[in-house]
PDB file of N, CA and C in Angstrom:
ATOM      1  N   MET A   1      28.132  12.144   3.118  1.00  0.00           N
ATOM      2  CA  MET A   1      26.921  11.485   3.646  1.00  0.00           C
ATOM      3  C   MET A   1      27.577   9.954   3.911  1.00  0.00           C
ATOM      4  N   ASN A   2      26.975   9.457   4.996  1.00  0.00           N
ATOM      5  CA  ASN A   2      27.722   8.125   5.311  1.00  0.00           C
ATOM      6  C   ASN A   2      26.749   7.304   4.973  1.00  0.00           C
ATOM      7  N   GLN A   3      27.272   6.543   3.876  1.00  0.00           N
ATOM      8  CA  GLN A   3      26.542   5.640   3.097  1.00  0.00           C
ATOM      9  C   GLN A   3      25.955   4.337   3.975  1.00  0.00           C
ATOM     10  N   GLY A   4      26.758   3.810   4.503  1.00  0.00           N
ATOM     11  CA  GLY A   4      26.461   2.764   5.785  1.00  0.00           C
ATOM     12  C   GLY A   4      25.401   3.108   6.469  1.00  0.00           C
ATOM     13  N   ARG A   5      25.410   4.332   7.341  1.00  0.00           N
ATOM     14  CA  ARG A   5      24.412   4.473   8.236  1.00  0.00           C
ATOM     15  C   ARG A   5      23.120   4.846   7.146  1.00  0.00           C
ATOM     16  N   LEU A   6      23.240   5.364   6.303  1.00  0.00           N
ATOM     17  CA  LEU A   6      21.716   5.582   5.635  1.00  0.00           C
ATOM     18  C   LEU A   6      20.977   4.126   5.293  1.00  0.00           C
ATOM     19  N   GLU A   7      22.003   3.277   4.431  1.00  0.00           N
ATOM     20  CA  GLU A   7      21.300   1.947   4.289  1.00  0.00           C
ATOM     21  C   GLU A   7      20.679   1.228   5.538  1.00  0.00           C
ATOM     22  N   TYR A   8      21.470   1.401   6.816  1.00  0.00           N
ATOM     23  CA  TYR A   8      21.235   0.930   7.966  1.00  0.00           C
ATOM     24  C   TYR A   8      19.968   1.474   8.533  1.00  0.00           C
ATOM     25  N   ARG A   9      19.910   2.581   8.763  1.00  0.00           N
ATOM     26  CA  ARG A   9      18.693   3.390   9.017  1.00  0.00           C
ATOM     27  C   ARG A   9      17.496   3.178   8.563  1.00  0.00           C
ATOM     28  N   LEU A  10      17.572   3.259   7.124  1.00  0.00           N
ATOM     29  CA  LEU A  10      16.260   2.800   5.998  1.00  0.00           C
ATOM     30  C   LEU A  10      15.988   1.768   6.332  1.00  0.00           C
ATOM     31  N   GLY A  11      17.053   0.714   6.558  1.00  0.00           N
ATOM     32  CA  GLY A  11      16.573  -0.735   6.473  1.00  0.00           C
ATOM     33  C   GLY A  11      15.630  -1.106   7.757  1.00  0.00           C
ATOM     34  N   GLU A  12      15.647  -0.349   8.720  1.00  0.00           N
ATOM     35  CA  GLU A  12      14.876  -0.514  10.077  1.00  0.00           C
ATOM     36  C   GLU A  12      13.500  -0.630   9.480  1.00  0.00           C
ATOM     37  N   LYS A  13      12.787  -1.388  10.310  1.00  0.00           N
ATOM     38  CA  LYS A  13      11.342  -1.683  10.105  1.00  0.00           C
ATOM     39  C   LYS A  13      10.695  -0.348  10.993  1.00  0.00           C
ATOM     40  N   GLU A  14       9.873   0.317   9.837  1.00  0.00           N
ATOM     41  CA  GLU A  14       9.002   1.394  10.262  1.00  0.00           C
ATOM     42  C   GLU A  14       7.636   0.763  10.193  1.00  0.00           C
ATOM     43  N   ASN A  15       6.617   1.593  11.318  1.00  0.00           N
ATOM     44  CA  ASN A  15       5.222   1.362  10.956  1.00  0.00           C
ATOM     45  C   ASN A  15       4.723   2.219  10.110  1.00  0.00           C
ATOM     46  N   LEU A  16       4.454   1.701   8.885  1.00  0.00           N
ATOM     47  CA  LEU A  16       4.001   2.509   7.529  1.00  0.00           C
ATOM     48  C   LEU A  16       2.530   2.764   7.811  1.00  0.00           C
ATOM     49  N   LYS A  17       1.919   2.093   8.970  1.00  0.00           N
ATOM     50  CA  LYS A  17       0.543   2.439   8.672  1.00  0.00           C
ATOM     51  C   LYS A  17       0.087   3.610   9.864  1.00  0.00           C
ATOM     52  N   ASP A  18       1.153   4.160  10.503  1.00  0.00           N
ATOM     53  CA  ASP A  18       1.120   5.394  11.312  1.00  0.00           C
ATOM     54  C   ASP A  18       1.794   6.464  10.555  1.00  0.00           C
ATOM     55  N   ILE A  19       1.141   7.109   9.703  1.00  0.00           N
ATOM     56  CA  ILE A  19       1.216   8.124   8.946  1.00  0.00           C
ATOM     57  C   ILE A  19       1.829   9.266   9.919  1.00  0.00           C
ATOM     58  N   GLU A  20       1.518   9.711  10.909  1.00  0.00           N
ATOM     59  CA  GLU A  20       1.877  10.585  11.858  1.00  0.00           C
ATOM     60  C   GLU A  20       3.330  10.577  12.091  1.00  0.00           C
ATOM     61  N   SER A  21       4.044   9.169  12.064  1.00  0.00           N
ATOM     62  CA  SER A  21       5.329   8.944  12.217  1.00  0.00           C
ATOM     63  C   SER A  21       6.215   9.458  11.227  1.00  0.00           C
ATOM     64  N   TYR A  22       5.662   9.879  10.002  1.00  0.00           N
ATOM     65  CA  TYR A  22       6.695  10.027   9.023  1.00  0.00           C
ATOM     66  C   TYR A  22       7.605  11.484   9.186  1.00  0.00           C
ATOM     67  N   ASP A  23       7.051  12.268   9.924  1.00  0.00           N
ATOM     68  CA  ASP A  23       7.844  13.397  10.150  1.00  0.00           C
ATOM     69  C   ASP A  23       8.931  12.776  11.002  1.00  0.00           C
ATOM     70  N   THR A  24       9.068  12.119  11.652  1.00  0.00           N
ATOM     71  CA  THR A  24      10.325  11.509  12.599  1.00  0.00           C
ATOM     72  C   THR A  24      11.128  10.713  11.638  1.00  0.00           C
ATOM     73  N   LEU A  25      10.608   9.871  10.630  1.00  0.00           N
ATOM     74  CA  LEU A  25      11.278   9.249   9.795  1.00  0.00           C
ATOM     75  C   LEU A  25      12.135  10.177   8.871  1.00  0.00           C
ATOM     76  N   VAL A  26      11.571  11.424   8.511  1.00  0.00           N
ATOM     77  CA  VAL A  26      12.210  12.318   7.493  1.00  0.00           C
ATOM     78  C   VAL A  26      13.126  13.184   8.345  1.00  0.00           C
ATOM     79  N   GLY A  27      12.743  13.373   9.551  1.00  0.00           N
ATOM     80  CA  GLY A  27      13.973  13.993  10.752  1.00  0.00           C
ATOM     81  C   GLY A  27      15.309  13.026  10.554  1.00  0.00           C
ATOM     82  N   ASN A  28      15.064  11.673  10.563  1.00  0.00           N
ATOM     83  CA  ASN A  28      15.991  10.932  10.508  1.00  0.00           C
ATOM     84  C   ASN A  28      16.850  10.776   9.604  1.00  0.00           C
ATOM     85  N   VAL A  29      16.246  10.735   8.426  1.00  0.00           N
ATOM     86  CA  VAL A  29      16.895  11.084   7.031  1.00  0.00           C
ATOM     87  C   VAL A  29      17.495  12.052   6.898  1.00  0.00           C
ATOM     88  N   GLU A  30      16.709  13.293   7.306  1.00  0.00           N
ATOM     89  CA  GLU A  30      17.668  14.671   7.313  1.00  0.00           C
ATOM     90  C   GLU A  30      19.012  14.610   8.178  1.00  0.00           C
ATOM     91  N   SER A  31      18.944  13.929   9.149  1.00  0.00           N
ATOM     92  CA  SER A  31      20.262  14.011   9.900  1.00  0.00           C
ATOM     93  C   SER A  31      21.348  12.891   9.512  1.00  0.00           C
ATOM     94  N   ILE A  32      20.929  12.178   8.866  1.00  0.00           N
ATOM     95  CA  ILE A  32      21.797  11.421   8.013  1.00  0.00           C
ATOM     96  C   ILE A  32      22.414  11.884   6.672  1.00  0.00           C
ATOM     97  N   VAL A  33      21.374  12.264   5.988  1.00  0.00           N
ATOM     98  CA  VAL A  33      22.004  12.807   4.923  1.00  0.00           C
ATOM     99  C   VAL A  33      22.834  14.184   4.733  1.00  0.00           C
ATOM    100  N   GLN A  34      22.436  14.841   5.982  1.00  0.00           N
ATOM    101  CA  GLN A  34      23.308  16.217   6.304  1.00  0.00           C
ATOM    102  C   GLN A  34      23.269  17.181   5.109  1.00  0.00           C
ATOM    103  N   GLY A  35      22.198  17.505   4.569  1.00  0.00           N
ATOM    104  CA  GLY A  35      21.848  18.395   3.955  1.00  0.00           C
ATOM    105  C   GLY A  35      22.366  18.092   2.187  1.00  0.00           C
ATOM    106  N   ASP A  36      22.846  16.922   1.882  1.00  0.00           N
ATOM    107  CA  ASP A  36      23.141  16.454   0.621  1.00  0.00           C
ATOM    108  C   ASP A  36      21.953  15.859  -0.085  1.00  0.00           C
ATOM    109  N   GLY A  37      20.852  15.475   0.948  1.00  0.00           N
ATOM    110  CA  GLY A  37      19.505  15.200   0.052  1.00  0.00           C
ATOM    111  C   GLY A  37      19.374  13.810  -0.415  1.00  0.00           C
ATOM    112  N   LEU A  38      18.737  13.289  -1.259  1.00  0.00           N
ATOM    113  CA  LEU A  38      18.400  11.910  -1.778  1.00  0.00           C
ATOM    114  C   LEU A  38      18.692  11.816  -3.002  1.00  0.00           C
ATOM    115  N   ASN A  39      19.313  11.261  -3.817  1.00  0.00           N
ATOM    116  CA  ASN A  39      19.155  10.981  -5.026  1.00  0.00           C
ATOM    117  C   ASN A  39      18.238   9.851  -5.741  1.00  0.00           C
ATOM    118  N   VAL A  40      18.011   8.852  -5.064  1.00  0.00           N
ATOM    119  CA  VAL A  40      17.059   7.702  -5.301  1.00  0.00           C
ATOM    120  C   VAL A  40      16.393   7.371  -3.992  1.00  0.00           C
ATOM    121  N   LEU A  41      14.920   6.948  -3.937  1.00  0.00           N
ATOM    122  CA  LEU A  41      14.314   6.516  -2.836  1.00  0.00           C
ATOM    123  C   LEU A  41      13.451   5.218  -3.547  1.00  0.00           C
ATOM    124  N   PHE A  42      13.794   4.117  -2.858  1.00  0.00           N
ATOM    125  CA  PHE A  42      13.085   2.835  -3.305  1.00  0.00           C
ATOM    126  C   PHE A  42      12.005   2.482  -2.441  1.00  0.00           C
ATOM    127  N   ASN A  43      10.657   2.590  -2.610  1.00  0.00           N
ATOM    128  CA  ASN A  43       9.771   2.412  -1.871  1.00  0.00           C
ATOM    129  C   ASN A  43       9.781   0.765  -1.827  1.00  0.00           C
ATOM    130  N   ASN A  44      10.156   0.035  -1.078  1.00  0.00           N
ATOM    131  CA  ASN A  44      10.231  -1.527  -1.036  1.00  0.00           C
ATOM    132  C   ASN A  44       9.521  -2.003   0.140  1.00  0.00           C
ATOM    133  N   ALA A  45       8.029  -1.530   0.220  1.00  0.00           N
ATOM    134  CA  ALA A  45       7.051  -2.359   1.120  1.00  0.00           C
ATOM    135  C   ALA A  45       5.876  -2.615   0.789  1.00  0.00           C
ATOM    136  N   GLY A  46       5.612  -3.780   1.208  1.00  0.00           N
ATOM    137  CA  GLY A  46       4.177  -4.354   0.585  1.00  0.00           C
ATOM    138  C   GLY A  46       3.720  -5.487   1.686  1.00  0.00           C
ATOM    139  N   ILE A  47       2.634  -5.523   1.694  1.00  0.00           N
ATOM    140  CA  ILE A  47       1.882  -6.860   2.516  1.00  0.00           C
ATOM    141  C   ILE A  47       1.041  -7.773   1.565  1.00  0.00           C
ATOM    142  N   SER A  48       0.634  -8.657   1.731  1.00  0.00           N
ATOM    143  CA  SER A  48      -0.742  -9.388   1.119  1.00  0.00           C
ATOM    144  C   SER A  48      -1.300 -10.463   2.243  1.00  0.00           C
ATOM    145  N   THR A  49      -2.614 -10.330   2.168  1.00  0.00           N
ATOM    146  CA  THR A  49      -3.189 -10.860   3.078  1.00  0.00           C
ATOM    147  C   THR A  49      -3.897 -12.117   2.215  1.00  0.00           C
ATOM    148  N   LYS A  50      -3.791 -13.355   2.907  1.00  0.00           N
ATOM    149  CA  LYS A  50      -4.346 -14.630   2.176  1.00  0.00           C
ATOM    150  C   LYS A  50      -5.997 -14.341   1.942  1.00  0.00           C
ATOM    151  N   PHE A  51      -6.108 -14.296   0.693  1.00  0.00           N
ATOM    152  CA  PHE A  51      -7.527 -14.084   0.704  1.00  0.00           C
ATOM    153  C   PHE A  51      -8.144 -15.546   0.155  1.00  0.00           C
ATOM    154  N   THR A  52      -8.730 -16.152   0.735  1.00  0.00           N
ATOM    155  CA  THR A  52      -9.254 -17.503   0.426  1.00  0.00           C
ATOM    156  C   THR A  52     -10.531 -17.296  -0.117  1.00  0.00           C
ATOM    157  N   ARG A  53     -11.773 -16.945   0.449  1.00  0.00           N
ATOM    158  CA  ARG A  53     -13.056 -16.649  -0.003  1.00  0.00           C
ATOM    159  C   ARG A  53     -13.460 -15.356   0.105  1.00  0.00           C
ATOM    160  N   VAL A  54     -14.273 -14.768  -0.797  1.00  0.00           N
ATOM    161  CA  VAL A  54     -14.744 -13.312  -0.481  1.00  0.00           C
ATOM    162  C   VAL A  54     -15.648 -13.253   0.866  1.00  0.00           C
ATOM    163  N   ASN A  55     -16.376 -14.179   1.371  1.00  0.00           N
ATOM    164  CA  ASN A  55     -17.106 -13.979   2.568  1.00  0.00           C
ATOM    165  C   ASN A  55     -16.395 -14.184   3.714  1.00  0.00           C
ATOM    166  N   MET A  56     -14.928 -14.247   3.603  1.00  0.00           N
ATOM    167  CA  MET A  56     -14.110 -14.448   5.077  1.00  0.00           C
ATOM    168  C   MET A  56     -13.255 -13.074   5.005  1.00  0.00           C
ATOM    169  N   VAL A  57     -13.208 -12.611   4.127  1.00  0.00           N
ATOM    170  CA  VAL A  57     -12.185 -11.233   3.966  1.00  0.00           C
ATOM    171  C   VAL A  57     -12.822 -10.222   5.044  1.00  0.00           C
ATOM    172  N   LYS A  58     -12.108  -9.485   5.816  1.00  0.00           N
ATOM    173  CA  LYS A  58     -12.186  -8.622   6.942  1.00  0.00           C
ATOM    174  C   LYS A  58     -11.457  -7.235   6.427  1.00  0.00           C
ATOM    175  N   ALA A  59     -12.587  -6.128   6.544  1.00  0.00           N
ATOM    176  CA  ALA A  59     -12.607  -4.900   5.904  1.00  0.00           C
ATOM    177  C   ALA A  59     -10.849  -4.692   6.645  1.00  0.00           C
ATOM    178  N   GLU A  60     -10.414  -4.852   7.873  1.00  0.00           N
ATOM    179  CA  GLU A  60      -9.297  -4.288   8.269  1.00  0.00           C
ATOM    180  C   GLU A  60      -8.245  -4.924   7.427  1.00  0.00           C
ATOM    181  N   GLN A  61      -8.348  -6.056   7.033  1.00  0.00           N
ATOM    182  CA  GLN A  61      -7.146  -6.793   6.075  1.00  0.00           C
ATOM    183  C   GLN A  61      -7.116  -5.984   4.762  1.00  0.00           C
ATOM    184  N   ILE A  62      -8.257  -5.595   4.311  1.00  0.00           N
ATOM    185  CA  ILE A  62      -7.851  -4.883   2.782  1.00  0.00           C
ATOM    186  C   ILE A  62      -7.638  -3.473   3.093  1.00  0.00           C
ATOM    187  N   THR A  63      -7.951  -2.640   4.295  1.00  0.00           N
ATOM    188  CA  THR A  63      -7.403  -1.621   4.210  1.00  0.00           C
ATOM    189  C   THR A  63      -5.842  -1.293   4.746  1.00  0.00           C
ATOM    190  N   ASP A  64      -5.652  -2.528   5.529  1.00  0.00           N
ATOM    191  CA  ASP A  64      -4.122  -2.624   5.894  1.00  0.00           C
ATOM    192  C   ASP A  64      -3.015  -2.859   4.327  1.00  0.00           C
ATOM    193  N   ASN A  65      -3.920  -3.654   3.644  1.00  0.00           N
ATOM    194  CA  ASN A  65      -3.171  -3.753   2.513  1.00  0.00           C
ATOM    195  C   ASN A  65      -3.244  -2.602   1.521  1.00  0.00           C
ATOM    196  N   PHE A  66      -4.113  -1.867   1.449  1.00  0.00           N
ATOM    197  CA  PHE A  66      -4.202  -0.720   0.707  1.00  0.00           C
ATOM    198  C   PHE A  66      -3.458   0.334   1.301  1.00  0.00           C
ATOM    199  N   LEU A  67      -3.370   0.611   2.699  1.00  0.00           N
ATOM    200  CA  LEU A  67      -2.750   1.808   3.192  1.00  0.00           C
ATOM    201  C   LEU A  67      -0.872   1.238   3.268  1.00  0.00           C
ATOM    202  N   ILE A  68      -0.606  -0.259   3.403  1.00  0.00           N
ATOM    203  CA  ILE A  68       1.072  -0.216   3.258  1.00  0.00           C
ATOM    204  C   ILE A  68       1.224  -0.105   1.724  1.00  0.00           C
ATOM    205  N   ASN A  69       0.293  -0.894   0.810  1.00  0.00           N
ATOM    206  CA  ASN A  69       1.136  -0.727  -0.395  1.00  0.00           C
ATOM    207  C   ASN A  69       0.496   0.210  -1.644  1.00  0.00           C
ATOM    208  N   THR A  70      -0.253   1.276  -1.124  1.00  0.00           N
ATOM    209  CA  THR A  70      -0.576   2.097  -1.887  1.00  0.00           C
ATOM    210  C   THR A  70      -0.560   3.746  -1.257  1.00  0.00           C
ATOM    211  N   VAL A  71      -1.053   3.611  -0.359  1.00  0.00           N
ATOM    212  CA  VAL A  71      -0.893   5.120   0.583  1.00  0.00           C
ATOM    213  C   VAL A  71       0.573   5.417   0.846  1.00  0.00           C
ATOM    214  N   ALA A  72       1.091   4.447   1.482  1.00  0.00           N
ATOM    215  CA  ALA A  72       2.562   4.770   2.450  1.00  0.00           C
ATOM    216  C   ALA A  72       3.515   4.996   1.312  1.00  0.00           C
ATOM    217  N   PRO A  73       3.573   4.335   0.200  1.00  0.00           N
ATOM    218  CA  PRO A  73       4.616   4.807  -0.796  1.00  0.00           C
ATOM    219  C   PRO A  73       4.395   6.047  -1.109  1.00  0.00           C
ATOM    220  N   LEU A  74       3.217   6.635  -1.759  1.00  0.00           N
ATOM    221  CA  LEU A  74       2.907   7.860  -2.030  1.00  0.00           C
ATOM    222  C   LEU A  74       3.359   8.890  -0.829  1.00  0.00           C
ATOM    223  N   MET A  75       2.760   8.577   0.368  1.00  0.00           N
ATOM    224  CA  MET A  75       2.769   9.839   1.355  1.00  0.00           C
ATOM    225  C   MET A  75       4.463   9.788   1.480  1.00  0.00           C
ATOM    226  N   LEU A  76       5.106   8.917   1.442  1.00  0.00           N
ATOM    227  CA  LEU A  76       6.434   8.795   1.921  1.00  0.00           C
ATOM    228  C   LEU A  76       7.273   9.639   0.794  1.00  0.00           C
ATOM    229  N   THR A  77       6.948   9.423  -0.526  1.00  0.00           N
ATOM    230  CA  THR A  77       7.479   9.918  -1.493  1.00  0.00           C
ATOM    231  C   THR A  77       7.437  11.819  -1.244  1.00  0.00           C
ATOM    232  N   LYS A  78       6.216  11.920  -0.856  1.00  0.00           N
ATOM    233  CA  LYS A  78       5.644  13.092  -0.780  1.00  0.00           C
ATOM    234  C   LYS A  78       6.609  13.967   0.127  1.00  0.00           C
ATOM    235  N   VAL A  79       6.852  13.355   1.719  1.00  0.00           N
ATOM    236  CA  VAL A  79       7.320  14.250   2.591  1.00  0.00           C
ATOM    237  C   VAL A  79       8.901  13.849   2.335  1.00  0.00           C
ATOM    238  N   LEU A  80       9.645  13.242   1.634  1.00  0.00           N
ATOM    239  CA  LEU A  80      11.059  12.660   1.376  1.00  0.00           C
ATOM    240  C   LEU A  80      11.178  13.775   0.043  1.00  0.00           C
TER     241      LEU A  80
END
């Protein structure tokens, strides 16, 4: 396995809100590890929207926070 290529590829920005794109990401990881598999997976993604007042919070902000911080790490771990 080429350690430098793996770190570079996984360091790129991915649209974690697009769950359908996970198959492409998995394919990229598989081509890099070339059958060696992954020994460690660091799910290091997170966002936080500034919430000032409850009456100003938008549903899209809460949905994005939950999707990126909770759903994406679980789904990525599942497919990898």
